[in-house]
Protein backbone atom coordinates (compact mmCIF):
# COMPACT_ATOMS: atom_id res chain seq x y z
CA MET A 1 6.32 -15.89 -1.19
CA ALA A 2 4.84 -19.16 -0.10
CA ARG A 3 4.81 -22.44 -1.95
CA LEU A 4 1.32 -23.90 -2.14
CA ALA A 5 1.17 -27.48 -0.86
CA GLY A 6 4.63 -28.32 -2.24
CA ARG A 7 3.51 -27.40 -5.77
CA PRO A 8 5.40 -25.04 -8.09
CA PHE A 9 3.04 -22.13 -7.31
CA ASP A 10 4.00 -19.01 -5.38
CA LEU A 11 1.40 -16.83 -3.69
CA SER A 12 2.03 -13.22 -2.61
CA VAL A 13 -0.31 -10.80 -0.84
CA TYR A 14 0.31 -7.05 -0.48
CA ALA A 15 -1.69 -4.32 1.28
CA THR A 16 -1.24 -0.72 2.46
CA ASN A 17 -3.63 1.52 4.40
CA LEU A 18 -5.88 -1.50 4.87
CA PHE A 19 -8.56 0.43 6.82
CA ASP A 20 -8.59 3.30 4.28
CA LYS A 21 -7.78 6.00 6.86
CA ALA A 22 -7.21 9.57 5.66
CA TYR A 23 -4.01 11.02 7.10
CA ALA A 24 -1.81 13.98 6.32
CA ALA A 25 1.59 12.73 5.20
CA ILE A 26 3.01 16.28 4.94
CA GLY A 27 1.53 19.51 6.31
CA SER A 28 2.50 23.16 6.40
CA VAL A 29 2.09 25.20 9.59
CA SER A 30 3.36 28.38 7.94
CA ALA A 31 0.48 28.39 5.46
CA ALA A 32 -2.00 28.95 8.33
CA ALA A 33 -0.55 32.45 8.81
CA LEU A 34 -1.62 33.25 5.24
CA GLY A 35 -5.19 32.10 5.88
CA PHE A 36 -5.13 28.57 4.46
CA ASP A 37 -3.91 25.13 5.43
CA ALA A 38 -1.84 22.98 3.16
CA ALA A 39 -1.40 19.21 3.38
CA ILE A 40 -0.54 16.26 1.20
CA TYR A 41 -2.53 13.20 2.13
CA GLY A 42 -1.22 9.65 2.22
CA ALA A 43 -2.04 6.98 -0.31
CA LEU A 44 -5.49 5.40 -0.51
CA ARG A 45 -6.10 1.76 0.24
CA GLN A 46 -4.09 -0.53 -2.02
CA TYR A 47 -4.01 -4.30 -2.19
CA ALA A 48 -2.82 -6.98 -4.57
CA VAL A 49 -2.63 -10.76 -4.86
CA SER A 50 -0.15 -12.50 -7.12
CA LEU A 51 -0.06 -16.15 -8.14
CA ARG A 52 2.99 -17.42 -10.07
CA TYR A 53 3.75 -20.80 -11.59
CA ARG A 54 7.37 -21.99 -11.70
CA PHE A 55 8.40 -24.05 -14.73
CA GLY A 56 11.24 -26.56 -14.49
CA PRO A 57 12.91 -28.15 -11.43
């Protein structure tokens, strides 16, 4: 977290898969022998911004 200009504010930024690429996180080679492919794809693009105010000293 970063203090904003010495003020009691904290700013946080979070991001995953920023370019929204599709990728197989887990795949199964043995499924190809049965005539189909199996895969679990990774998470979609996610991002968040958080602003927090700190009360007190």
